[in-house]
Each structure stands twice: as structure tokens, then as C-alpha cells.
Amino acid sequence: MNFITAIKSNPKLKSFVLWTIAPKRNPRPRLWVRWFLNPIKHKKGKGARIRRRSRIDVFPWNRFEIGALTTIEDFCTVNNGSGDVILGDRVRVGIGSVIIGPVTMGNGSGLGQHVFVAGFNHGYADGSKNSSAQPLDIKPTSIEEEAHIGANSVVVAGVTIGKRSQVGAGSVVTKDIPPFSVAVGNPARVIKQFNLETNSWEKVKPSK
């Protein structure tokens, strides 16, 4: 039995180890985790920047990776407690945005200001219990390479936004957006798609 298995198989030991990593009522990493463990555990590409006034709540049991020349601006929150957060090269996370894993962002993709992206929902199947006491409904979210999400948008759990797509400001993305698309609104709908043969954007007729 290895060390990790031993911890998981002993409830008291597991509870103690979790307490040393983060307080139970304030689930953010303790200083020793942020200062000493995270720099060793998590990967940061060359030239990547995390602005000083961002809140990076990342834990050692899931991945947190940011690629080369990626920037997380001030007042952002990033949390990998419920799943991996992987940001590719040249990704930009705009001021005040929130990323809660599991979330993947491809190379060259970006979030505008105050965008919310999550990879889970709170479970509520049992109506007799507070949803905070129920298991999370994990649904990984993916923003593919060179896709961009406009300011004040929300991307819900389980959605994939295709390569080089553009999501208009203030949109709520509740379903997959195909590659090379423009989507706007609440819920977001595709209004244009890029035709690779004609090298032009074409309007999409609304479905009835």
C-alpha cells in the first residue's frame, strides 16, 4: 500500500491531511501550500504571468497548468478543487474573470472581463438536503484554441466552444458552439459561421 492509498483508506488521517492543506470552512489553500507546494506541483510556462491581485486557489490533488506567454489578469479567481484547470499557450484571462475546473482553454484563446466559466454544477437530486451537502455534478468544459468569450459572459458546465469561435459580450452559453462560429445572446445561439471555401462569414438562419 502506497502513501496516498494509506491516507485515502483512513478517514481520520485523510481528514487531518485535508485540514493541513485547507481549512474546512474556508476552502482555499493554506499559505504553505501556495508558497512552497504549488510552485513545485503545478506547471507554469515561460513568460506566463499571474497578476498579483488575482486569487489562485489551486490544490495539489488536481492539475493546474498555464502555458507560455499566458496571462491571468488582476482580480481573477481560479480554482481547481473540483477538477483540472489547464490553460494553453498565449491564453488571456481578462480582469475579474472566474475559472472553476475542470476547464481547459486551448492555445490563443481568451476571456474578456468578468467572464464566468465552470466545469461543475451543485447537485440537487435529493430535495431533502441542501445542495451544498450533495455531490457535485462534474461536467468538464472546453474552450478550444483561438476561441474568445466576450465580457460578462457565462459558460456553463459541460459546454465545448469550438476553435476560433467568438462569443458576444453578455452571452450565456448553455450548449456546444461549433468551430468557426459567432454566437450571442441568452441562451447563446449561432448567428454566423465562417465558410472556409469562400473565406467569408455567412449568416445562419434561426431554427424554428
N, C-alpha and C. Protein backbone atom coordinates (compact mmCIF):
# COMPACT_ATOMS: atom_id res chain seq x y z
N MET A 1 0.86 -1.20 0.00
CA MET A 1 0.00 0.00 0.00
C MET A 1 0.89 1.25 0.00
N ASN A 2 0.69 2.14 -0.99
CA ASN A 2 1.49 3.35 -1.02
C ASN A 2 0.93 4.42 -0.08
N PHE A 3 1.64 5.54 0.02
CA PHE A 3 1.30 6.59 0.98
C PHE A 3 -0.08 7.19 0.70
N ILE A 4 -0.38 7.47 -0.57
CA ILE A 4 -1.67 8.09 -0.93
C ILE A 4 -2.82 7.14 -0.62
N THR A 5 -2.65 5.86 -0.95
CA THR A 5 -3.69 4.88 -0.66
C THR A 5 -3.94 4.76 0.84
N ALA A 6 -2.86 4.81 1.61
CA ALA A 6 -2.98 4.73 3.06
C ALA A 6 -3.79 5.90 3.62
N ILE A 7 -3.58 7.07 3.08
CA ILE A 7 -4.34 8.25 3.53
C ILE A 7 -5.81 8.10 3.19
N LYS A 8 -6.10 7.70 1.94
CA LYS A 8 -7.48 7.59 1.49
C LYS A 8 -8.24 6.51 2.25
N SER A 9 -7.55 5.48 2.69
CA SER A 9 -8.22 4.37 3.38
C SER A 9 -8.42 4.62 4.88
N ASN A 10 -7.87 5.70 5.38
CA ASN A 10 -8.00 6.03 6.80
C ASN A 10 -8.73 7.36 6.94
N PRO A 11 -10.03 7.34 7.27
CA PRO A 11 -10.82 8.58 7.31
C PRO A 11 -10.24 9.66 8.22
N LYS A 12 -9.75 9.27 9.39
CA LYS A 12 -9.19 10.26 10.31
C LYS A 12 -7.92 10.89 9.75
N LEU A 13 -7.05 10.05 9.19
CA LEU A 13 -5.82 10.56 8.60
C LEU A 13 -6.13 11.44 7.39
N LYS A 14 -7.09 11.02 6.57
CA LYS A 14 -7.48 11.81 5.40
C LYS A 14 -8.01 13.18 5.83
N SER A 15 -8.84 13.20 6.86
CA SER A 15 -9.40 14.46 7.37
C SER A 15 -8.30 15.38 7.87
N PHE A 16 -7.31 14.80 8.56
CA PHE A 16 -6.21 15.61 9.08
C PHE A 16 -5.37 16.19 7.95
N VAL A 17 -5.05 15.36 6.95
CA VAL A 17 -4.24 15.83 5.83
C VAL A 17 -4.95 16.95 5.07
N LEU A 18 -6.26 16.79 4.84
CA LEU A 18 -7.03 17.83 4.17
C LEU A 18 -7.03 19.12 4.98
N TRP A 19 -7.10 19.00 6.31
CA TRP A 19 -7.07 20.18 7.19
C TRP A 19 -5.75 20.91 7.08
N THR A 20 -4.65 20.16 6.92
CA THR A 20 -3.35 20.82 6.78
C THR A 20 -3.23 21.56 5.45
N ILE A 21 -4.02 21.17 4.46
CA ILE A 21 -3.97 21.81 3.14
C ILE A 21 -4.90 23.01 3.07
N ALA A 22 -6.11 22.89 3.65
CA ALA A 22 -7.09 23.97 3.59
C ALA A 22 -8.05 23.86 4.76
N PRO A 23 -8.42 24.98 5.39
CA PRO A 23 -9.44 24.96 6.45
C PRO A 23 -10.77 24.47 5.90
N LYS A 24 -11.51 23.73 6.70
CA LYS A 24 -12.76 23.14 6.24
C LYS A 24 -13.80 24.20 5.90
N ARG A 25 -13.88 25.25 6.70
CA ARG A 25 -14.91 26.28 6.49
C ARG A 25 -14.43 27.42 5.58
N ASN A 26 -13.20 27.37 5.16
CA ASN A 26 -12.67 28.37 4.24
C ASN A 26 -11.78 27.67 3.23
N PRO A 27 -12.40 26.98 2.27
CA PRO A 27 -11.65 26.08 1.40
C PRO A 27 -10.76 26.79 0.38
N ARG A 28 -9.69 27.37 0.88
CA ARG A 28 -8.64 27.88 0.00
C ARG A 28 -7.31 27.40 0.56
N PRO A 29 -6.33 27.17 -0.29
CA PRO A 29 -5.06 26.59 0.17
C PRO A 29 -4.39 27.43 1.25
N ARG A 30 -3.81 26.75 2.21
CA ARG A 30 -3.05 27.46 3.23
C ARG A 30 -1.78 28.05 2.61
N LEU A 31 -1.18 29.00 3.34
CA LEU A 31 -0.02 29.70 2.81
C LEU A 31 1.11 28.76 2.42
N TRP A 32 1.36 27.73 3.22
CA TRP A 32 2.48 26.84 2.91
C TRP A 32 2.25 26.10 1.60
N VAL A 33 0.96 25.81 1.29
CA VAL A 33 0.64 25.16 0.02
C VAL A 33 0.90 26.12 -1.14
N ARG A 34 0.46 27.37 -0.97
CA ARG A 34 0.62 28.35 -2.05
C ARG A 34 2.08 28.74 -2.28
N TRP A 35 2.84 28.85 -1.19
CA TRP A 35 4.22 29.32 -1.32
C TRP A 35 5.21 28.23 -1.69
N PHE A 36 5.00 27.03 -1.16
CA PHE A 36 6.03 26.00 -1.31
C PHE A 36 5.60 24.81 -2.18
N LEU A 37 4.36 24.32 -2.00
CA LEU A 37 3.95 23.12 -2.72
C LEU A 37 3.51 23.42 -4.15
N ASN A 38 2.67 24.43 -4.33
CA ASN A 38 2.14 24.71 -5.66
C ASN A 38 3.21 25.02 -6.70
N PRO A 39 4.24 25.82 -6.38
CA PRO A 39 5.27 26.08 -7.40
C PRO A 39 5.99 24.82 -7.88
N ILE A 40 6.04 23.79 -7.02
CA ILE A 40 6.67 22.53 -7.41
C ILE A 40 5.69 21.65 -8.16
N LYS A 41 4.44 21.62 -7.70
CA LYS A 41 3.44 20.69 -8.23
C LYS A 41 2.89 21.13 -9.59
N HIS A 42 2.66 22.42 -9.77
CA HIS A 42 1.95 22.91 -10.95
C HIS A 42 2.90 23.56 -11.95
N LYS A 43 2.54 23.44 -13.25
CA LYS A 43 3.42 23.90 -14.32
C LYS A 43 3.06 25.31 -14.78
N LYS A 44 4.09 26.13 -14.95
CA LYS A 44 3.91 27.49 -15.44
C LYS A 44 4.88 27.71 -16.59
N GLY A 45 4.35 28.00 -17.78
CA GLY A 45 5.17 28.14 -18.97
C GLY A 45 6.02 29.40 -18.96
N LYS A 46 7.01 29.42 -19.83
CA LYS A 46 7.91 30.56 -19.95
C LYS A 46 7.15 31.82 -20.33
N GLY A 47 7.39 32.88 -19.59
CA GLY A 47 6.75 34.16 -19.89
C GLY A 47 5.31 34.27 -19.41
N ALA A 48 4.79 33.25 -18.75
CA ALA A 48 3.42 33.31 -18.22
C ALA A 48 3.36 34.25 -17.02
N ARG A 49 2.23 34.94 -16.88
CA ARG A 49 2.07 35.90 -15.79
C ARG A 49 0.75 35.70 -15.07
N ILE A 50 0.83 35.70 -13.76
CA ILE A 50 -0.37 35.74 -12.92
C ILE A 50 -0.29 37.04 -12.12
N ARG A 51 -1.17 37.97 -12.39
CA ARG A 51 -1.12 39.26 -11.74
C ARG A 51 -1.30 39.12 -10.22
N ARG A 52 -0.68 40.01 -9.49
CA ARG A 52 -0.57 39.90 -8.04
C ARG A 52 -1.91 39.89 -7.33
N ARG A 53 -2.90 40.59 -7.87
CA ARG A 53 -4.18 40.72 -7.17
C ARG A 53 -5.22 39.68 -7.59
N SER A 54 -4.76 38.62 -8.21
CA SER A 54 -5.66 37.51 -8.52
C SER A 54 -5.69 36.51 -7.37
N ARG A 55 -6.77 35.76 -7.27
CA ARG A 55 -6.91 34.72 -6.24
C ARG A 55 -6.77 33.36 -6.93
N ILE A 56 -5.64 32.72 -6.69
CA ILE A 56 -5.35 31.43 -7.34
C ILE A 56 -5.48 30.34 -6.28
N ASP A 57 -6.68 29.78 -6.18
CA ASP A 57 -6.97 28.72 -5.20
C ASP A 57 -6.78 27.37 -5.87
N VAL A 58 -5.53 26.91 -5.92
CA VAL A 58 -5.25 25.63 -6.56
C VAL A 58 -4.69 24.66 -5.52
N PHE A 59 -5.14 23.41 -5.66
CA PHE A 59 -4.84 22.36 -4.70
C PHE A 59 -3.98 21.29 -5.35
N PRO A 60 -3.23 20.52 -4.56
CA PRO A 60 -2.29 19.56 -5.13
C PRO A 60 -2.92 18.32 -5.75
N TRP A 61 -4.19 18.03 -5.47
CA TRP A 61 -4.77 16.78 -5.97
C TRP A 61 -5.30 16.88 -7.39
N ASN A 62 -5.37 18.09 -7.98
CA ASN A 62 -5.74 18.24 -9.38
C ASN A 62 -4.69 19.09 -10.10
N ARG A 63 -4.69 19.02 -11.42
CA ARG A 63 -3.70 19.76 -12.21
C ARG A 63 -4.07 21.23 -12.35
N PHE A 64 -3.05 22.07 -12.36
CA PHE A 64 -3.17 23.47 -12.73
C PHE A 64 -1.96 23.80 -13.59
N GLU A 65 -2.21 24.07 -14.87
CA GLU A 65 -1.12 24.33 -15.80
C GLU A 65 -1.44 25.57 -16.62
N ILE A 66 -0.44 26.43 -16.78
CA ILE A 66 -0.59 27.57 -17.68
C ILE A 66 0.59 27.59 -18.62
N GLY A 67 0.31 27.80 -19.90
CA GLY A 67 1.33 27.70 -20.92
C GLY A 67 2.15 28.97 -21.09
N ALA A 68 3.06 28.93 -22.04
CA ALA A 68 3.94 30.05 -22.31
C ALA A 68 3.16 31.29 -22.74
N LEU A 69 3.57 32.44 -22.18
CA LEU A 69 3.01 33.75 -22.53
C LEU A 69 1.53 33.90 -22.18
N THR A 70 1.03 33.04 -21.32
CA THR A 70 -0.36 33.16 -20.85
C THR A 70 -0.43 34.18 -19.72
N THR A 71 -1.53 34.94 -19.68
CA THR A 71 -1.70 35.98 -18.66
C THR A 71 -3.04 35.82 -17.95
N ILE A 72 -3.00 35.81 -16.62
CA ILE A 72 -4.19 35.89 -15.79
C ILE A 72 -4.19 37.27 -15.16
N GLU A 73 -5.14 38.09 -15.55
CA GLU A 73 -5.15 39.48 -15.11
C GLU A 73 -5.60 39.63 -13.65
N ASP A 74 -5.54 40.87 -13.15
CA ASP A 74 -5.92 41.16 -11.77
C ASP A 74 -7.37 40.82 -11.48
N PHE A 75 -7.62 40.50 -10.21
CA PHE A 75 -8.96 40.27 -9.65
C PHE A 75 -9.65 39.03 -10.22
N CYS A 76 -8.88 38.14 -10.85
CA CYS A 76 -9.45 36.87 -11.30
C CYS A 76 -9.44 35.85 -10.16
N THR A 77 -10.28 34.84 -10.30
CA THR A 77 -10.28 33.70 -9.39
C THR A 77 -10.15 32.43 -10.21
N VAL A 78 -9.19 31.59 -9.82
CA VAL A 78 -9.00 30.29 -10.46
C VAL A 78 -9.01 29.23 -9.37
N ASN A 79 -9.82 28.19 -9.57
CA ASN A 79 -9.96 27.15 -8.56
C ASN A 79 -9.98 25.79 -9.24
N ASN A 80 -9.08 24.89 -8.82
CA ASN A 80 -9.03 23.54 -9.39
C ASN A 80 -9.48 22.48 -8.39
N GLY A 81 -10.18 22.91 -7.36
CA GLY A 81 -10.58 21.97 -6.32
C GLY A 81 -11.47 20.84 -6.81
N SER A 82 -12.29 21.10 -7.82
CA SER A 82 -13.20 20.07 -8.33
C SER A 82 -12.75 19.48 -9.66
N GLY A 83 -11.62 19.95 -10.20
CA GLY A 83 -11.14 19.40 -11.47
C GLY A 83 -9.99 20.21 -12.03
N ASP A 84 -9.28 19.61 -12.97
CA ASP A 84 -8.09 20.25 -13.56
C ASP A 84 -8.44 21.58 -14.23
N VAL A 85 -7.51 22.52 -14.13
CA VAL A 85 -7.58 23.77 -14.90
C VAL A 85 -6.32 23.83 -15.74
N ILE A 86 -6.49 23.76 -17.06
CA ILE A 86 -5.36 23.71 -17.98
C ILE A 86 -5.52 24.82 -19.01
N LEU A 87 -4.62 25.78 -18.99
CA LEU A 87 -4.62 26.89 -19.92
C LEU A 87 -3.42 26.75 -20.84
N GLY A 88 -3.66 26.78 -22.14
CA GLY A 88 -2.59 26.59 -23.11
C GLY A 88 -1.68 27.80 -23.24
N ASP A 89 -0.93 27.86 -24.34
CA ASP A 89 -0.03 28.98 -24.61
C ASP A 89 -0.82 30.19 -25.09
N ARG A 90 -0.35 31.38 -24.72
CA ARG A 90 -0.89 32.66 -25.19
C ARG A 90 -2.37 32.83 -24.86
N VAL A 91 -2.80 32.28 -23.75
CA VAL A 91 -4.17 32.45 -23.28
C VAL A 91 -4.24 33.74 -22.45
N ARG A 92 -5.33 34.47 -22.58
CA ARG A 92 -5.52 35.66 -21.75
C ARG A 92 -6.84 35.54 -21.00
N VAL A 93 -6.75 35.69 -19.68
CA VAL A 93 -7.92 35.66 -18.82
C VAL A 93 -8.14 37.08 -18.33
N GLY A 94 -9.25 37.69 -18.76
CA GLY A 94 -9.49 39.11 -18.52
C GLY A 94 -9.78 39.45 -17.07
N ILE A 95 -9.65 40.71 -16.74
CA ILE A 95 -9.83 41.22 -15.38
C ILE A 95 -11.15 40.75 -14.79
N GLY A 96 -11.07 40.21 -13.56
CA GLY A 96 -12.27 39.84 -12.81
C GLY A 96 -12.94 38.56 -13.25
N SER A 97 -12.32 37.79 -14.13
CA SER A 97 -12.94 36.54 -14.60
C SER A 97 -12.75 35.42 -13.58
N VAL A 98 -13.61 34.41 -13.68
CA VAL A 98 -13.60 33.27 -12.76
C VAL A 98 -13.52 31.98 -13.57
N ILE A 99 -12.58 31.11 -13.21
CA ILE A 99 -12.46 29.79 -13.82
C ILE A 99 -12.46 28.75 -12.71
N ILE A 100 -13.45 27.87 -12.73
CA ILE A 100 -13.55 26.80 -11.73
C ILE A 100 -13.55 25.47 -12.49
N GLY A 101 -12.53 24.64 -12.26
CA GLY A 101 -12.35 23.42 -13.02
C GLY A 101 -13.40 22.36 -12.77
N PRO A 102 -13.43 21.36 -13.65
CA PRO A 102 -12.49 21.13 -14.74
C PRO A 102 -12.76 21.98 -15.98
N VAL A 103 -11.74 22.75 -16.36
CA VAL A 103 -11.83 23.64 -17.53
C VAL A 103 -10.51 23.56 -18.29
N THR A 104 -10.63 23.48 -19.62
CA THR A 104 -9.45 23.52 -20.50
C THR A 104 -9.62 24.65 -21.48
N MET A 105 -8.56 25.45 -21.65
CA MET A 105 -8.55 26.51 -22.66
C MET A 105 -7.38 26.28 -23.60
N GLY A 106 -7.67 26.22 -24.90
CA GLY A 106 -6.65 25.94 -25.89
C GLY A 106 -5.75 27.12 -26.18
N ASN A 107 -4.68 26.88 -26.93
CA ASN A 107 -3.72 27.92 -27.29
C ASN A 107 -4.41 29.11 -27.96
N GLY A 108 -4.04 30.30 -27.53
CA GLY A 108 -4.52 31.51 -28.17
C GLY A 108 -5.95 31.89 -27.85
N SER A 109 -6.60 31.16 -26.94
CA SER A 109 -7.98 31.50 -26.58
C SER A 109 -7.99 32.60 -25.51
N GLY A 110 -9.17 33.15 -25.25
CA GLY A 110 -9.21 34.24 -24.28
C GLY A 110 -10.58 34.49 -23.70
N LEU A 111 -10.57 35.07 -22.51
CA LEU A 111 -11.78 35.54 -21.85
C LEU A 111 -11.71 37.05 -21.71
N GLY A 112 -12.84 37.72 -21.97
CA GLY A 112 -12.91 39.15 -21.70
C GLY A 112 -13.01 39.41 -20.20
N GLN A 113 -13.47 40.58 -19.85
CA GLN A 113 -13.59 40.96 -18.44
C GLN A 113 -14.83 40.31 -17.81
N HIS A 114 -14.65 39.84 -16.57
CA HIS A 114 -15.77 39.35 -15.75
C HIS A 114 -16.54 38.21 -16.43
N VAL A 115 -15.81 37.28 -16.99
CA VAL A 115 -16.40 36.07 -17.58
C VAL A 115 -16.38 34.95 -16.53
N PHE A 116 -17.44 34.18 -16.47
CA PHE A 116 -17.53 33.05 -15.53
C PHE A 116 -17.55 31.75 -16.33
N VAL A 117 -16.59 30.85 -16.02
CA VAL A 117 -16.51 29.55 -16.68
C VAL A 117 -16.36 28.48 -15.61
N ALA A 118 -17.21 27.46 -15.63
CA ALA A 118 -17.14 26.40 -14.63
C ALA A 118 -17.30 25.04 -15.27
N GLY A 119 -16.80 24.03 -14.56
CA GLY A 119 -16.90 22.65 -15.04
C GLY A 119 -17.73 21.76 -14.14
N PHE A 120 -18.58 22.37 -13.32
CA PHE A 120 -19.46 21.56 -12.48
C PHE A 120 -20.70 22.36 -12.10
N ASN A 121 -21.72 21.62 -11.69
CA ASN A 121 -22.91 22.21 -11.07
C ASN A 121 -23.08 21.60 -9.69
N HIS A 122 -23.71 22.33 -8.80
CA HIS A 122 -24.04 21.75 -7.50
C HIS A 122 -25.17 20.74 -7.67
N GLY A 123 -24.99 19.56 -7.09
CA GLY A 123 -26.03 18.55 -7.16
C GLY A 123 -27.24 18.93 -6.32
N TYR A 124 -28.41 18.59 -6.84
CA TYR A 124 -29.64 18.91 -6.10
C TYR A 124 -30.67 17.79 -6.21
N ALA A 125 -30.23 16.58 -6.55
CA ALA A 125 -31.15 15.47 -6.78
C ALA A 125 -31.99 15.15 -5.56
N ASP A 126 -31.40 15.27 -4.39
CA ASP A 126 -32.12 14.98 -3.14
C ASP A 126 -32.70 16.28 -2.59
N GLY A 127 -34.00 16.45 -2.79
CA GLY A 127 -34.66 17.69 -2.36
C GLY A 127 -34.73 17.87 -0.86
N SER A 128 -34.40 16.83 -0.10
CA SER A 128 -34.45 16.94 1.36
C SER A 128 -33.15 17.48 1.95
N LYS A 129 -32.13 17.72 1.08
CA LYS A 129 -30.84 18.19 1.56
C LYS A 129 -30.44 19.48 0.86
N ASN A 130 -29.67 20.27 1.59
CA ASN A 130 -29.06 21.44 0.98
C ASN A 130 -28.15 21.00 -0.16
N SER A 131 -28.19 21.70 -1.28
CA SER A 131 -27.37 21.29 -2.43
C SER A 131 -25.87 21.33 -2.11
N SER A 132 -25.49 22.16 -1.14
CA SER A 132 -24.07 22.22 -0.78
C SER A 132 -23.59 20.96 -0.09
N ALA A 133 -24.54 20.13 0.37
CA ALA A 133 -24.18 18.88 1.04
C ALA A 133 -24.28 17.67 0.11
N GLN A 134 -24.55 17.92 -1.18
CA GLN A 134 -24.71 16.84 -2.14
C GLN A 134 -23.52 16.79 -3.10
N PRO A 135 -23.28 15.63 -3.72
CA PRO A 135 -22.14 15.51 -4.63
C PRO A 135 -22.24 16.48 -5.80
N LEU A 136 -21.08 16.97 -6.24
CA LEU A 136 -21.04 17.86 -7.39
C LEU A 136 -21.34 17.07 -8.67
N ASP A 137 -21.97 17.75 -9.60
CA ASP A 137 -22.23 17.19 -10.93
C ASP A 137 -21.12 17.69 -11.86
N ILE A 138 -20.07 16.87 -12.00
CA ILE A 138 -18.88 17.29 -12.75
C ILE A 138 -19.10 17.11 -14.25
N LYS A 139 -18.91 18.19 -15.01
CA LYS A 139 -19.02 18.18 -16.46
C LYS A 139 -17.92 19.06 -17.04
N PRO A 140 -16.82 18.47 -17.50
CA PRO A 140 -15.69 19.28 -17.99
C PRO A 140 -16.10 20.24 -19.11
N THR A 141 -15.54 21.43 -19.04
CA THR A 141 -15.81 22.49 -20.02
C THR A 141 -14.55 22.74 -20.83
N SER A 142 -14.73 22.94 -22.14
CA SER A 142 -13.58 23.13 -23.02
C SER A 142 -13.78 24.35 -23.92
N ILE A 143 -12.78 25.21 -23.92
CA ILE A 143 -12.73 26.34 -24.84
C ILE A 143 -11.55 26.07 -25.77
N GLU A 144 -11.83 25.79 -27.02
CA GLU A 144 -10.79 25.34 -27.93
C GLU A 144 -9.92 26.49 -28.42
N GLU A 145 -8.85 26.14 -29.13
CA GLU A 145 -7.83 27.12 -29.48
C GLU A 145 -8.40 28.29 -30.28
N GLU A 146 -7.93 29.48 -29.89
CA GLU A 146 -8.23 30.75 -30.56
C GLU A 146 -9.71 31.13 -30.49
N ALA A 147 -10.47 30.51 -29.58
CA ALA A 147 -11.85 30.96 -29.32
C ALA A 147 -11.81 32.06 -28.28
N HIS A 148 -12.74 33.01 -28.39
CA HIS A 148 -12.76 34.14 -27.47
C HIS A 148 -14.17 34.38 -26.94
N ILE A 149 -14.23 34.67 -25.65
CA ILE A 149 -15.50 34.86 -24.96
C ILE A 149 -15.60 36.32 -24.52
N GLY A 150 -16.67 37.00 -24.93
CA GLY A 150 -16.82 38.41 -24.62
C GLY A 150 -17.10 38.69 -23.16
N ALA A 151 -16.89 39.94 -22.76
CA ALA A 151 -17.03 40.37 -21.37
C ALA A 151 -18.41 40.04 -20.81
N ASN A 152 -18.42 39.72 -19.51
CA ASN A 152 -19.66 39.50 -18.75
C ASN A 152 -20.46 38.29 -19.24
N SER A 153 -19.80 37.35 -19.87
CA SER A 153 -20.48 36.13 -20.34
C SER A 153 -20.38 35.02 -19.29
N VAL A 154 -21.25 34.03 -19.44
CA VAL A 154 -21.26 32.84 -18.58
C VAL A 154 -21.18 31.61 -19.48
N VAL A 155 -20.26 30.71 -19.16
CA VAL A 155 -20.14 29.45 -19.89
C VAL A 155 -20.45 28.34 -18.89
N VAL A 156 -21.54 27.62 -19.10
CA VAL A 156 -21.98 26.63 -18.11
C VAL A 156 -21.21 25.32 -18.27
N ALA A 157 -21.32 24.48 -17.26
CA ALA A 157 -20.58 23.22 -17.22
C ALA A 157 -20.94 22.31 -18.40
N GLY A 158 -19.93 21.61 -18.92
CA GLY A 158 -20.13 20.61 -19.95
C GLY A 158 -20.14 21.13 -21.37
N VAL A 159 -19.94 22.42 -21.55
CA VAL A 159 -20.00 23.03 -22.89
C VAL A 159 -18.63 22.98 -23.56
N THR A 160 -18.64 22.79 -24.87
CA THR A 160 -17.43 22.95 -25.68
C THR A 160 -17.64 24.10 -26.66
N ILE A 161 -16.72 25.03 -26.64
CA ILE A 161 -16.74 26.16 -27.58
C ILE A 161 -15.65 25.91 -28.60
N GLY A 162 -16.05 25.76 -29.85
CA GLY A 162 -15.15 25.29 -30.89
C GLY A 162 -14.06 26.28 -31.29
N LYS A 163 -13.10 25.76 -32.00
CA LYS A 163 -11.93 26.52 -32.45
C LYS A 163 -12.33 27.82 -33.16
N ARG A 164 -11.64 28.90 -32.78
CA ARG A 164 -11.75 30.23 -33.38
C ARG A 164 -13.16 30.80 -33.38
N SER A 165 -14.01 30.30 -32.49
CA SER A 165 -15.35 30.88 -32.35
C SER A 165 -15.30 32.15 -31.51
N GLN A 166 -16.31 32.98 -31.70
CA GLN A 166 -16.42 34.24 -30.97
C GLN A 166 -17.78 34.25 -30.26
N VAL A 167 -17.75 34.51 -28.96
CA VAL A 167 -18.98 34.60 -28.17
C VAL A 167 -19.16 36.05 -27.76
N GLY A 168 -20.30 36.63 -28.11
CA GLY A 168 -20.55 38.04 -27.85
C GLY A 168 -20.66 38.36 -26.38
N ALA A 169 -20.39 39.61 -26.03
CA ALA A 169 -20.44 40.06 -24.65
C ALA A 169 -21.82 39.83 -24.04
N GLY A 170 -21.82 39.40 -22.78
CA GLY A 170 -23.08 39.21 -22.06
C GLY A 170 -23.84 37.96 -22.41
N SER A 171 -23.22 37.05 -23.14
CA SER A 171 -23.90 35.83 -23.55
C SER A 171 -23.89 34.78 -22.44
N VAL A 172 -24.86 33.88 -22.50
CA VAL A 172 -24.91 32.73 -21.59
C VAL A 172 -24.87 31.48 -22.47
N VAL A 173 -23.74 30.78 -22.44
CA VAL A 173 -23.53 29.63 -23.32
C VAL A 173 -23.99 28.37 -22.60
N THR A 174 -25.07 27.78 -23.10
CA THR A 174 -25.67 26.62 -22.44
C THR A 174 -25.51 25.34 -23.25
N LYS A 175 -24.99 25.45 -24.48
CA LYS A 175 -24.77 24.26 -25.30
C LYS A 175 -23.55 24.48 -26.18
N ASP A 176 -23.06 23.41 -26.80
CA ASP A 176 -21.84 23.48 -27.59
C ASP A 176 -21.96 24.51 -28.73
N ILE A 177 -20.84 25.19 -28.97
CA ILE A 177 -20.74 26.12 -30.09
C ILE A 177 -19.77 25.51 -31.10
N PRO A 178 -20.20 25.31 -32.36
CA PRO A 178 -19.32 24.69 -33.36
C PRO A 178 -18.10 25.57 -33.64
N PRO A 179 -17.03 24.97 -34.17
CA PRO A 179 -15.86 25.78 -34.57
C PRO A 179 -16.24 26.84 -35.60
N PHE A 180 -15.47 27.93 -35.62
CA PHE A 180 -15.62 29.00 -36.60
C PHE A 180 -17.04 29.57 -36.61
N SER A 181 -17.55 29.88 -35.41
CA SER A 181 -18.90 30.41 -35.28
C SER A 181 -18.90 31.71 -34.49
N VAL A 182 -19.94 32.50 -34.70
CA VAL A 182 -20.23 33.66 -33.85
C VAL A 182 -21.53 33.36 -33.13
N ALA A 183 -21.52 33.46 -31.79
CA ALA A 183 -22.72 33.17 -31.00
C ALA A 183 -22.98 34.32 -30.04
N VAL A 184 -24.25 34.65 -29.88
CA VAL A 184 -24.63 35.77 -29.00
C VAL A 184 -25.93 35.42 -28.28
N GLY A 185 -26.18 36.11 -27.16
CA GLY A 185 -27.49 36.06 -26.53
C GLY A 185 -27.57 35.15 -25.32
N ASN A 186 -28.77 35.11 -24.75
CA ASN A 186 -29.09 34.29 -23.58
C ASN A 186 -30.40 33.56 -23.83
N PRO A 187 -30.32 32.22 -24.09
CA PRO A 187 -29.11 31.43 -24.27
C PRO A 187 -28.43 31.76 -25.60
N ALA A 188 -27.11 31.57 -25.64
CA ALA A 188 -26.35 31.92 -26.84
C ALA A 188 -26.78 31.06 -28.03
N ARG A 189 -26.92 31.69 -29.17
CA ARG A 189 -27.22 30.97 -30.41
C ARG A 189 -26.27 31.43 -31.50
N VAL A 190 -25.98 30.55 -32.42
CA VAL A 190 -25.06 30.85 -33.52
C VAL A 190 -25.75 31.73 -34.55
N ILE A 191 -25.13 32.87 -34.86
CA ILE A 191 -25.71 33.78 -35.87
C ILE A 191 -24.87 33.84 -37.14
N LYS A 192 -23.59 33.42 -37.03
CA LYS A 192 -22.72 33.40 -38.21
C LYS A 192 -21.78 32.20 -38.13
N GLN A 193 -21.39 31.70 -39.30
CA GLN A 193 -20.34 30.68 -39.38
C GLN A 193 -19.41 31.02 -40.53
N PHE A 194 -18.13 30.69 -40.32
CA PHE A 194 -17.14 31.00 -41.34
C PHE A 194 -17.08 29.88 -42.37
N ASN A 195 -17.22 30.26 -43.62
CA ASN A 195 -17.16 29.30 -44.72
C ASN A 195 -15.71 29.26 -45.22
N LEU A 196 -15.04 28.14 -44.98
CA LEU A 196 -13.64 28.02 -45.35
C LEU A 196 -13.44 28.01 -46.86
N GLU A 197 -14.46 27.60 -47.62
CA GLU A 197 -14.34 27.54 -49.08
C GLU A 197 -14.41 28.94 -49.70
N THR A 198 -15.31 29.78 -49.17
CA THR A 198 -15.46 31.14 -49.71
C THR A 198 -14.66 32.17 -48.92
N ASN A 199 -14.07 31.73 -47.80
CA ASN A 199 -13.28 32.61 -46.94
C ASN A 199 -14.10 33.81 -46.47
N SER A 200 -15.34 33.53 -46.06
CA SER A 200 -16.21 34.62 -45.62
C SER A 200 -17.16 34.13 -44.53
N TRP A 201 -17.65 35.10 -43.72
CA TRP A 201 -18.64 34.79 -42.69
C TRP A 201 -20.03 34.83 -43.31
N GLU A 202 -20.82 33.81 -42.99
CA GLU A 202 -22.18 33.72 -43.53
C GLU A 202 -23.20 33.67 -42.41
N LYS A 203 -24.28 34.38 -42.59
CA LYS A 203 -25.34 34.39 -41.58
C LYS A 203 -26.01 33.04 -41.47
N VAL A 204 -26.41 32.68 -40.25
CA VAL A 204 -27.12 31.43 -40.01
C VAL A 204 -28.58 31.75 -39.76
N LYS A 205 -29.48 31.11 -40.49
CA LYS A 205 -30.89 31.34 -40.30
C LYS A 205 -31.35 30.74 -38.96
N PRO A 206 -32.12 31.49 -38.19
CA PRO A 206 -32.59 30.94 -36.92
C PRO A 206 -33.46 29.72 -37.12
N SER A 207 -33.27 28.71 -36.25
CA SER A 207 -34.09 27.49 -36.35
C SER A 207 -35.48 27.77 -35.81
N LYS A 208 -36.48 27.13 -36.39
CA LYS A 208 -37.87 27.36 -35.98
C LYS A 208 -38.22 26.47 -34.80
